[in-house]
Amino acid sequence: IFSIHTMGWYRQAPGKQRELVARIISGGGTNYA
């Protein structure tokens, strides 16, 4: 690994599409479902 730019969590329930739960980017910015 040189560097990690973004890391996040997705989830998938039976019969459902995988969806973004939360994400954190370089510098600390975040996104949430």
Full PDB file with SEQRES, HELIX, SHEET, SSBOND, CRYST1, ORIGX, SCALE, CONECT and MASTER records, all heavy atoms in Angstrom:
SEQRES   1 A   33  ILE PHE SER ILE HIS THR MET GLY TRP TYR ARG GLN ALA          
SEQRES   2 A   33  PRO GLY LYS GLN ARG GLU LEU VAL ALA ARG ILE ILE SER          
SEQRES   3 A   33  GLY GLY GLY THR ASN TYR ALA                                  
SHEET    1 AA1 3 THR A   6  ARG A  11  0                                        
SHEET    2 AA1 3 GLU A  19  ILE A  25 -1                                        
SHEET    3 AA1 3 THR A  30  TYR A  32 -1                                        
CRYST1    1.000    1.000    1.000  90.00  90.00  90.00 P 1           1          
ORIGX1      1.000000  0.000000  0.000000        0.00000                         
ORIGX2      0.000000  1.000000  0.000000        0.00000                         
ORIGX3      0.000000  0.000000  1.000000        0.00000                         
SCALE1      1.000000  0.000000  0.000000        0.00000                         
SCALE2      0.000000  1.000000  0.000000        0.00000                         
SCALE3      0.000000  0.000000  1.000000        0.00000                         
ATOM      1  N   ILE A   1       0.837  -1.194   0.000  1.00  0.00           N  
ATOM      2  CA  ILE A   1       0.000   0.000   0.000  1.00  0.00           C  
ATOM      3  C   ILE A   1       0.869   1.239   0.000  1.00  0.00           C  
ATOM      4  O   ILE A   1       1.732   1.394   0.866  1.00  0.00           O  
ATOM      5  CB  ILE A   1      -0.927   0.006   1.226  1.00  0.00           C  
ATOM      6  CG1 ILE A   1      -1.873  -1.194   1.197  1.00  0.00           C  
ATOM      7  CG2 ILE A   1      -1.705   1.313   1.297  1.00  0.00           C  
ATOM      8  CD1 ILE A   1      -2.632  -1.403   2.481  1.00  0.00           C  
ATOM      9  N   PHE A   2       0.619   2.111  -0.956  1.00  0.00           N  
ATOM     10  CA  PHE A   2       1.243   3.426  -0.930  1.00  0.00           C  
ATOM     11  C   PHE A   2       0.463   4.359  -0.021  1.00  0.00           C  
ATOM     12  O   PHE A   2       1.031   5.024   0.840  1.00  0.00           O  
ATOM     13  CB  PHE A   2       1.339   4.010  -2.340  1.00  0.00           C  
ATOM     14  CG  PHE A   2       2.355   3.356  -3.229  1.00  0.00           C  
ATOM     15  CD1 PHE A   2       2.354   3.594  -4.597  1.00  0.00           C  
ATOM     16  CD2 PHE A   2       3.327   2.517  -2.715  1.00  0.00           C  
ATOM     17  CE1 PHE A   2       3.296   3.002  -5.424  1.00  0.00           C  
ATOM     18  CE2 PHE A   2       4.269   1.914  -3.533  1.00  0.00           C  
ATOM     19  CZ  PHE A   2       4.250   2.164  -4.896  1.00  0.00           C  
ATOM     20  N   SER A   3      -0.837   4.411  -0.228  1.00  0.00           N  
ATOM     21  CA  SER A   3      -1.700   5.229   0.600  1.00  0.00           C  
ATOM     22  C   SER A   3      -3.138   4.777   0.412  1.00  0.00           C  
ATOM     23  O   SER A   3      -3.490   4.197  -0.607  1.00  0.00           O  
ATOM     24  CB  SER A   3      -1.565   6.721   0.260  1.00  0.00           C  
ATOM     25  OG  SER A   3      -1.954   6.978  -1.074  1.00  0.00           O  
ATOM     26  N   ILE A   4      -3.961   5.064   1.405  1.00  0.00           N  
ATOM     27  CA  ILE A   4      -5.381   4.762   1.340  1.00  0.00           C  
ATOM     28  C   ILE A   4      -6.145   6.069   1.207  1.00  0.00           C  
ATOM     29  O   ILE A   4      -6.032   6.944   2.061  1.00  0.00           O  
ATOM     30  CB  ILE A   4      -5.850   3.990   2.580  1.00  0.00           C  
ATOM     31  CG1 ILE A   4      -5.076   2.678   2.702  1.00  0.00           C  
ATOM     32  CG2 ILE A   4      -7.351   3.731   2.508  1.00  0.00           C  
ATOM     33  CD1 ILE A   4      -5.429   1.873   3.934  1.00  0.00           C  
ATOM     34  N   HIS A   5      -6.916   6.175   0.139  1.00  0.00           N  
ATOM     35  CA  HIS A   5      -7.622   7.421  -0.130  1.00  0.00           C  
ATOM     36  C   HIS A   5      -8.989   7.463   0.533  1.00  0.00           C  
ATOM     37  O   HIS A   5      -9.309   8.412   1.222  1.00  0.00           O  
ATOM     38  CB  HIS A   5      -7.734   7.631  -1.641  1.00  0.00           C  
ATOM     39  CG  HIS A   5      -6.408   7.826  -2.299  1.00  0.00           C  
ATOM     40  ND1 HIS A   5      -5.860   9.077  -2.493  1.00  0.00           N  
ATOM     41  CD2 HIS A   5      -5.508   6.936  -2.782  1.00  0.00           C  
ATOM     42  CE1 HIS A   5      -4.680   8.953  -3.083  1.00  0.00           C  
ATOM     43  NE2 HIS A   5      -4.443   7.656  -3.261  1.00  0.00           N  
ATOM     44  N   THR A   6      -9.789   6.450   0.296  1.00  0.00           N  
ATOM     45  CA  THR A   6     -11.094   6.381   0.930  1.00  0.00           C  
ATOM     46  C   THR A   6     -11.309   4.991   1.510  1.00  0.00           C  
ATOM     47  O   THR A   6     -10.813   3.999   0.985  1.00  0.00           O  
ATOM     48  CB  THR A   6     -12.242   6.697  -0.047  1.00  0.00           C  
ATOM     49  OG1 THR A   6     -12.330   5.673  -1.044  1.00  0.00           O  
ATOM     50  CG2 THR A   6     -12.028   8.042  -0.717  1.00  0.00           C  
ATOM     51  N   MET A   7     -12.060   4.934   2.586  1.00  0.00           N  
ATOM     52  CA  MET A   7     -12.477   3.665   3.165  1.00  0.00           C  
ATOM     53  C   MET A   7     -13.948   3.795   3.537  1.00  0.00           C  
ATOM     54  O   MET A   7     -14.398   4.874   3.933  1.00  0.00           O  
ATOM     55  CB  MET A   7     -11.659   3.298   4.400  1.00  0.00           C  
ATOM     56  CG  MET A   7     -10.170   3.157   4.131  1.00  0.00           C  
ATOM     57  SD  MET A   7      -9.241   2.470   5.538  1.00  0.00           S  
ATOM     58  CE  MET A   7      -9.575   0.713   5.322  1.00  0.00           C  
ATOM     59  N   GLY A   8     -14.664   2.705   3.391  1.00  0.00           N  
ATOM     60  CA  GLY A   8     -16.071   2.773   3.689  1.00  0.00           C  
ATOM     61  C   GLY A   8     -16.672   1.423   3.996  1.00  0.00           C  
ATOM     62  O   GLY A   8     -16.013   0.387   3.911  1.00  0.00           O  
ATOM     63  N   TRP A   9     -17.946   1.481   4.359  1.00  0.00           N  
ATOM     64  CA  TRP A   9     -18.712   0.288   4.677  1.00  0.00           C  
ATOM     65  C   TRP A   9     -19.958   0.239   3.818  1.00  0.00           C  
ATOM     66  O   TRP A   9     -20.674   1.246   3.682  1.00  0.00           O  
ATOM     67  CB  TRP A   9     -19.113   0.263   6.149  1.00  0.00           C  
ATOM     68  CG  TRP A   9     -17.955   0.088   7.076  1.00  0.00           C  
ATOM     69  CD1 TRP A   9     -17.229   1.068   7.675  1.00  0.00           C  
ATOM     70  CD2 TRP A   9     -17.393  -1.153   7.490  1.00  0.00           C  
ATOM     71  NE1 TRP A   9     -16.245   0.517   8.451  1.00  0.00           N  
ATOM     72  CE2 TRP A   9     -16.323  -0.846   8.356  1.00  0.00           C  
ATOM     73  CE3 TRP A   9     -17.685  -2.494   7.227  1.00  0.00           C  
ATOM     74  CZ2 TRP A   9     -15.544  -1.836   8.955  1.00  0.00           C  
ATOM     75  CZ3 TRP A   9     -16.912  -3.471   7.817  1.00  0.00           C  
ATOM     76  CH2 TRP A   9     -15.854  -3.141   8.673  1.00  0.00           C  
ATOM     77  N   TYR A  10     -20.201  -0.918   3.234  1.00  0.00           N  
ATOM     78  CA  TYR A  10     -21.422  -1.215   2.515  1.00  0.00           C  
ATOM     79  C   TYR A  10     -22.125  -2.362   3.224  1.00  0.00           C  
ATOM     80  O   TYR A  10     -21.516  -3.096   3.994  1.00  0.00           O  
ATOM     81  CB  TYR A  10     -21.135  -1.609   1.071  1.00  0.00           C  
ATOM     82  CG  TYR A  10     -20.630  -0.479   0.194  1.00  0.00           C  
ATOM     83  CD1 TYR A  10     -19.353   0.043   0.358  1.00  0.00           C  
ATOM     84  CD2 TYR A  10     -21.436   0.055  -0.806  1.00  0.00           C  
ATOM     85  CE1 TYR A  10     -18.891   1.067  -0.448  1.00  0.00           C  
ATOM     86  CE2 TYR A  10     -20.980   1.082  -1.619  1.00  0.00           C  
ATOM     87  CZ  TYR A  10     -19.710   1.579  -1.431  1.00  0.00           C  
ATOM     88  OH  TYR A  10     -19.253   2.594  -2.244  1.00  0.00           O  
ATOM     89  N   ARG A  11     -23.405  -2.523   2.941  1.00  0.00           N  
ATOM     90  CA  ARG A  11     -24.117  -3.661   3.507  1.00  0.00           C  
ATOM     91  C   ARG A  11     -25.111  -4.206   2.498  1.00  0.00           C  
ATOM     92  O   ARG A  11     -25.571  -3.497   1.610  1.00  0.00           O  
ATOM     93  CB  ARG A  11     -24.834  -3.290   4.806  1.00  0.00           C  
ATOM     94  CG  ARG A  11     -25.992  -2.318   4.653  1.00  0.00           C  
ATOM     95  CD  ARG A  11     -26.532  -1.917   6.021  1.00  0.00           C  
ATOM     96  NE  ARG A  11     -27.654  -1.001   5.922  1.00  0.00           N  
ATOM     97  CZ  ARG A  11     -28.219  -0.397   6.953  1.00  0.00           C  
ATOM     98  NH1 ARG A  11     -27.759  -0.612   8.179  1.00  0.00           N  
ATOM     99  NH2 ARG A  11     -29.253   0.430   6.774  1.00  0.00           N  
ATOM    100  N   GLN A  12     -25.421  -5.485   2.661  1.00  0.00           N  
ATOM    101  CA  GLN A  12     -26.363  -6.142   1.779  1.00  0.00           C  
ATOM    102  C   GLN A  12     -27.194  -7.127   2.574  1.00  0.00           C  
ATOM    103  O   GLN A  12     -26.661  -8.036   3.207  1.00  0.00           O  
ATOM    104  CB  GLN A  12     -25.644  -6.865   0.634  1.00  0.00           C  
ATOM    105  CG  GLN A  12     -26.580  -7.421  -0.416  1.00  0.00           C  
ATOM    106  CD  GLN A  12     -25.846  -7.836  -1.677  1.00  0.00           C  
ATOM    107  OE1 GLN A  12     -24.653  -8.124  -1.650  1.00  0.00           O  
ATOM    108  NE2 GLN A  12     -26.558  -7.857  -2.786  1.00  0.00           N  
ATOM    109  N   ALA A  13     -28.495  -6.917   2.548  1.00  0.00           N  
ATOM    110  CA  ALA A  13     -29.442  -7.824   3.169  1.00  0.00           C  
ATOM    111  C   ALA A  13     -30.007  -8.751   2.102  1.00  0.00           C  
ATOM    112  O   ALA A  13     -30.011  -8.408   0.913  1.00  0.00           O  
ATOM    113  CB  ALA A  13     -30.559  -7.044   3.854  1.00  0.00           C  
ATOM    114  N   PRO A  14     -30.510  -9.930   2.495  1.00  0.00           N  
ATOM    115  CA  PRO A  14     -31.083 -10.854   1.508  1.00  0.00           C  
ATOM    116  C   PRO A  14     -32.178 -10.191   0.685  1.00  0.00           C  
ATOM    117  O   PRO A  14     -33.072  -9.535   1.224  1.00  0.00           O  
ATOM    118  CB  PRO A  14     -31.641 -11.980   2.373  1.00  0.00           C  
ATOM    119  CG  PRO A  14     -30.803 -11.958   3.603  1.00  0.00           C  
ATOM    120  CD  PRO A  14     -30.521 -10.501   3.848  1.00  0.00           C  
ATOM    121  N   GLY A  15     -32.091 -10.348  -0.626  1.00  0.00           N  
ATOM    122  CA  GLY A  15     -33.074  -9.771  -1.518  1.00  0.00           C  
ATOM    123  C   GLY A  15     -32.920  -8.292  -1.767  1.00  0.00           C  
ATOM    124  O   GLY A  15     -33.758  -7.700  -2.466  1.00  0.00           O  
ATOM    125  N   LYS A  16     -31.884  -7.689  -1.219  1.00  0.00           N  
ATOM    126  CA  LYS A  16     -31.656  -6.258  -1.381  1.00  0.00           C  
ATOM    127  C   LYS A  16     -30.345  -6.000  -2.111  1.00  0.00           C  
ATOM    128  O   LYS A  16     -29.450  -6.839  -2.134  1.00  0.00           O  
ATOM    129  CB  LYS A  16     -31.620  -5.558  -0.018  1.00  0.00           C  
ATOM    130  CG  LYS A  16     -32.857  -5.753   0.834  1.00  0.00           C  
ATOM    131  CD  LYS A  16     -34.053  -5.038   0.249  1.00  0.00           C  
ATOM    132  CE  LYS A  16     -35.253  -5.146   1.178  1.00  0.00           C  
ATOM    133  NZ  LYS A  16     -36.434  -4.440   0.622  1.00  0.00           N  
ATOM    134  N   GLN A  17     -30.249  -4.831  -2.713  1.00  0.00           N  
ATOM    135  CA  GLN A  17     -29.001  -4.420  -3.337  1.00  0.00           C  
ATOM    136  C   GLN A  17     -27.998  -3.978  -2.282  1.00  0.00           C  
ATOM    137  O   GLN A  17     -28.372  -3.524  -1.197  1.00  0.00           O  
ATOM    138  CB  GLN A  17     -29.246  -3.273  -4.320  1.00  0.00           C  
ATOM    139  CG  GLN A  17     -29.975  -3.664  -5.585  1.00  0.00           C  
ATOM    140  CD  GLN A  17     -30.014  -2.533  -6.580  1.00  0.00           C  
ATOM    141  OE1 GLN A  17     -30.424  -1.423  -6.254  1.00  0.00           O  
ATOM    142  NE2 GLN A  17     -29.573  -2.802  -7.800  1.00  0.00           N  
ATOM    143  N   ARG A  18     -26.731  -4.120  -2.617  1.00  0.00           N  
ATOM    144  CA  ARG A  18     -25.702  -3.606  -1.739  1.00  0.00           C  
ATOM    145  C   ARG A  18     -25.780  -2.082  -1.708  1.00  0.00           C  
ATOM    146  O   ARG A  18     -25.921  -1.435  -2.751  1.00  0.00           O  
ATOM    147  CB  ARG A  18     -24.326  -4.063  -2.221  1.00  0.00           C  
ATOM    148  CG  ARG A  18     -23.199  -3.723  -1.268  1.00  0.00           C  
ATOM    149  CD  ARG A  18     -21.880  -4.352  -1.710  1.00  0.00           C  
ATOM    150  NE  ARG A  18     -21.958  -5.807  -1.754  1.00  0.00           N  
ATOM    151  CZ  ARG A  18     -20.915  -6.599  -1.963  1.00  0.00           C  
ATOM    152  NH1 ARG A  18     -19.703  -6.079  -2.144  1.00  0.00           N  
ATOM    153  NH2 ARG A  18     -21.083  -7.913  -2.002  1.00  0.00           N  
ATOM    154  N   GLU A  19     -25.693  -1.521  -0.519  1.00  0.00           N  
ATOM    155  CA  GLU A  19     -25.827  -0.088  -0.368  1.00  0.00           C  
ATOM    156  C   GLU A  19     -24.690   0.483   0.468  1.00  0.00           C  
ATOM    157  O   GLU A  19     -24.148  -0.181   1.351  1.00  0.00           O  
ATOM    158  CB  GLU A  19     -27.166   0.270   0.287  1.00  0.00           C  
ATOM    159  CG  GLU A  19     -27.316  -0.237   1.711  1.00  0.00           C  
ATOM    160  CD  GLU A  19     -28.581   0.241   2.392  1.00  0.00           C  
ATOM    161  OE1 GLU A  19     -29.275   1.111   1.841  1.00  0.00           O  
ATOM    162  OE2 GLU A  19     -28.886  -0.272   3.494  1.00  0.00           O  
ATOM    163  N   LEU A  20     -24.361   1.713   0.187  1.00  0.00           N  
ATOM    164  CA  LEU A  20     -23.358   2.421   0.961  1.00  0.00           C  
ATOM    165  C   LEU A  20     -23.927   2.764   2.328  1.00  0.00           C  
ATOM    166  O   LEU A  20     -25.015   3.323   2.441  1.00  0.00           O  
ATOM    167  CB  LEU A  20     -22.923   3.696   0.242  1.00  0.00           C  
ATOM    168  CG  LEU A  20     -21.953   4.603   1.002  1.00  0.00           C  
ATOM    169  CD1 LEU A  20     -20.590   3.935   1.156  1.00  0.00           C  
ATOM    170  CD2 LEU A  20     -21.812   5.949   0.295  1.00  0.00           C  
ATOM    171  N   VAL A  21     -23.172   2.439   3.363  1.00  0.00           N  
ATOM    172  CA  VAL A  21     -23.537   2.787   4.726  1.00  0.00           C  
ATOM    173  C   VAL A  21     -22.824   4.062   5.155  1.00  0.00           C  
ATOM    174  O   VAL A  21     -23.444   5.016   5.634  1.00  0.00           O  
ATOM    175  CB  VAL A  21     -23.218   1.647   5.702  1.00  0.00           C  
ATOM    176  CG1 VAL A  21     -23.542   2.048   7.139  1.00  0.00           C  
ATOM    177  CG2 VAL A  21     -23.978   0.388   5.313  1.00  0.00           C  
ATOM    178  N   ALA A  22     -21.521   4.073   5.013  1.00  0.00           N  
ATOM    179  CA  ALA A  22     -20.718   5.222   5.409  1.00  0.00           C  
ATOM    180  C   ALA A  22     -19.389   5.175   4.688  1.00  0.00           C  
ATOM    181  O   ALA A  22     -18.899   4.106   4.331  1.00  0.00           O  
ATOM    182  CB  ALA A  22     -20.499   5.246   6.927  1.00  0.00           C  
ATOM    183  N   ARG A  23     -18.810   6.344   4.507  1.00  0.00           N  
ATOM    184  CA  ARG A  23     -17.532   6.449   3.830  1.00  0.00           C  
ATOM    185  C   ARG A  23     -16.738   7.588   4.438  1.00  0.00           C  
ATOM    186  O   ARG A  23     -17.303   8.622   4.811  1.00  0.00           O  
ATOM    187  CB  ARG A  23     -17.758   6.683   2.330  1.00  0.00           C  
ATOM    188  CG  ARG A  23     -16.504   6.806   1.496  1.00  0.00           C  
ATOM    189  CD  ARG A  23     -16.865   6.796   0.025  1.00  0.00           C  
ATOM    190  NE  ARG A  23     -17.814   7.858  -0.303  1.00  0.00           N  
ATOM    191  CZ  ARG A  23     -18.532   7.903  -1.422  1.00  0.00           C  
ATOM    192  NH1 ARG A  23     -18.407   6.926  -2.325  1.00  0.00           N  
ATOM    193  NH2 ARG A  23     -19.364   8.892  -1.646  1.00  0.00           N  
ATOM    194  N   ILE A  24     -15.431   7.404   4.532  1.00  0.00           N  
ATOM    195  CA  ILE A  24     -14.554   8.449   5.032  1.00  0.00           C  
ATOM    196  C   ILE A  24     -13.414   8.622   4.040  1.00  0.00           C  
ATOM    197  O   ILE A  24     -12.822   7.655   3.575  1.00  0.00           O  
ATOM    198  CB  ILE A  24     -14.049   8.136   6.456  1.00  0.00           C  
ATOM    199  CG1 ILE A  24     -13.230   9.304   7.010  1.00  0.00           C  
ATOM    200  CG2 ILE A  24     -13.259   6.830   6.501  1.00  0.00           C  
ATOM    201  CD1 ILE A  24     -13.028   9.225   8.517  1.00  0.00           C  
ATOM    202  N   ILE A  25     -13.123   9.869   3.705  1.00  0.00           N  
ATOM    203  CA  ILE A  25     -12.127  10.177   2.696  1.00  0.00           C  
ATOM    204  C   ILE A  25     -10.886  10.801   3.344  1.00  0.00           C  
ATOM    205  O   ILE A  25     -10.872  11.113   4.532  1.00  0.00           O  
ATOM    206  CB  ILE A  25     -12.690  11.125   1.618  1.00  0.00           C  
ATOM    207  CG1 ILE A  25     -13.100  12.468   2.218  1.00  0.00           C  
ATOM    208  CG2 ILE A  25     -13.873  10.479   0.918  1.00  0.00           C  
ATOM    209  CD1 ILE A  25     -13.585  13.473   1.191  1.00  0.00           C  
ATOM    210  N   SER A  26      -9.862  10.939   2.527  1.00  0.00           N  
ATOM    211  CA  SER A  26      -8.653  11.603   2.993  1.00  0.00           C  
ATOM    212  C   SER A  26      -9.002  12.998   3.495  1.00  0.00           C  
ATOM    213  O   SER A  26      -9.731  13.740   2.849  1.00  0.00           O  
ATOM    214  CB  SER A  26      -7.628  11.701   1.868  1.00  0.00           C  
ATOM    215  OG  SER A  26      -7.256  10.422   1.407  1.00  0.00           O  
ATOM    216  N   GLY A  27      -8.482  13.329   4.648  1.00  0.00           N  
ATOM    217  CA  GLY A  27      -8.791  14.609   5.254  1.00  0.00           C  
ATOM    218  C   GLY A  27      -9.910  14.542   6.267  1.00  0.00           C  
ATOM    219  O   GLY A  27     -10.140  15.507   6.998  1.00  0.00           O  
ATOM    220  N   GLY A  28     -10.619  13.413   6.303  1.00  0.00           N  
ATOM    221  CA  GLY A  28     -11.606  13.201   7.337  1.00  0.00           C  
ATOM    222  C   GLY A  28     -13.051  13.426   6.962  1.00  0.00           C  
ATOM    223  O   GLY A  28     -13.940  13.213   7.790  1.00  0.00           O  
ATOM    224  N   GLY A  29     -13.320  13.853   5.741  1.00  0.00           N  
ATOM    225  CA  GLY A  29     -14.697  14.047   5.328  1.00  0.00           C  
ATOM    226  C   GLY A  29     -15.470  12.741   5.318  1.00  0.00           C  
ATOM    227  O   GLY A  29     -14.931  11.685   4.987  1.00  0.00           O  
ATOM    228  N   THR A  30     -16.741  12.799   5.669  1.00  0.00           N  
ATOM    229  CA  THR A  30     -17.560  11.596   5.783  1.00  0.00           C  
ATOM    230  C   THR A  30     -18.870  11.734   5.035  1.00  0.00           C  
ATOM    231  O   THR A  30     -19.369  12.841   4.800  1.00  0.00           O  
ATOM    232  CB  THR A  30     -17.865  11.255   7.250  1.00  0.00           C  
ATOM    233  OG1 THR A  30     -18.541  12.359   7.864  1.00  0.00           O  
ATOM    234  CG2 THR A  30     -16.588  10.961   8.014  1.00  0.00           C  
ATOM    235  N   ASN A  31     -19.430  10.580   4.665  1.00  0.00           N  
ATOM    236  CA  ASN A  31     -20.756  10.485   4.089  1.00  0.00           C  
ATOM    237  C   ASN A  31     -21.482   9.326   4.750  1.00  0.00           C  
ATOM    238  O   ASN A  31     -20.882   8.285   5.011  1.00  0.00           O  
ATOM    239  CB  ASN A  31     -20.703  10.252   2.577  1.00  0.00           C  
ATOM    240  CG  ASN A  31     -20.048  11.373   1.817  1.00  0.00           C  
ATOM    241  OD1 ASN A  31     -18.899  11.256   1.382  1.00  0.00           O  
ATOM    242  ND2 ASN A  31     -20.775  12.473   1.646  1.00  0.00           N  
ATOM    243  N   TYR A  32     -22.774   9.522   5.001  1.00  0.00           N  
ATOM    244  CA  TYR A  32     -23.588   8.487   5.627  1.00  0.00           C  
ATOM    245  C   TYR A  32     -24.883   8.299   4.858  1.00  0.00           C  
ATOM    246  O   TYR A  32     -25.452   9.248   4.314  1.00  0.00           O  
ATOM    247  CB  TYR A  32     -23.952   8.860   7.062  1.00  0.00           C  
ATOM    248  CG  TYR A  32     -22.788   8.918   8.009  1.00  0.00           C  
ATOM    249  CD1 TYR A  32     -22.118  10.111   8.244  1.00  0.00           C  
ATOM    250  CD2 TYR A  32     -22.363   7.779   8.687  1.00  0.00           C  
ATOM    251  CE1 TYR A  32     -21.057  10.167   9.124  1.00  0.00           C  
ATOM    252  CE2 TYR A  32     -21.298   7.832   9.570  1.00  0.00           C  
ATOM    253  CZ  TYR A  32     -20.650   9.031   9.784  1.00  0.00           C  
ATOM    254  OH  TYR A  32     -19.592   9.077  10.661  1.00  0.00           O  
ATOM    255  N   ALA A  33     -25.357   7.062   4.849  1.00  0.00           N  
ATOM    256  CA  ALA A  33     -26.701   6.816   4.370  1.00  0.00           C  
ATOM    257  C   ALA A  33     -27.696   7.467   5.321  1.00  0.00           C  
ATOM    258  O   ALA A  33     -27.470   7.531   6.535  1.00  0.00           O  
ATOM    259  CB  ALA A  33     -26.969   5.313   4.289  1.00  0.00           C  
TER     260      ALA A  33                                                      
MASTER        0    0    0    0    3    0    0    6  259    1    0    3          
END                                                                             
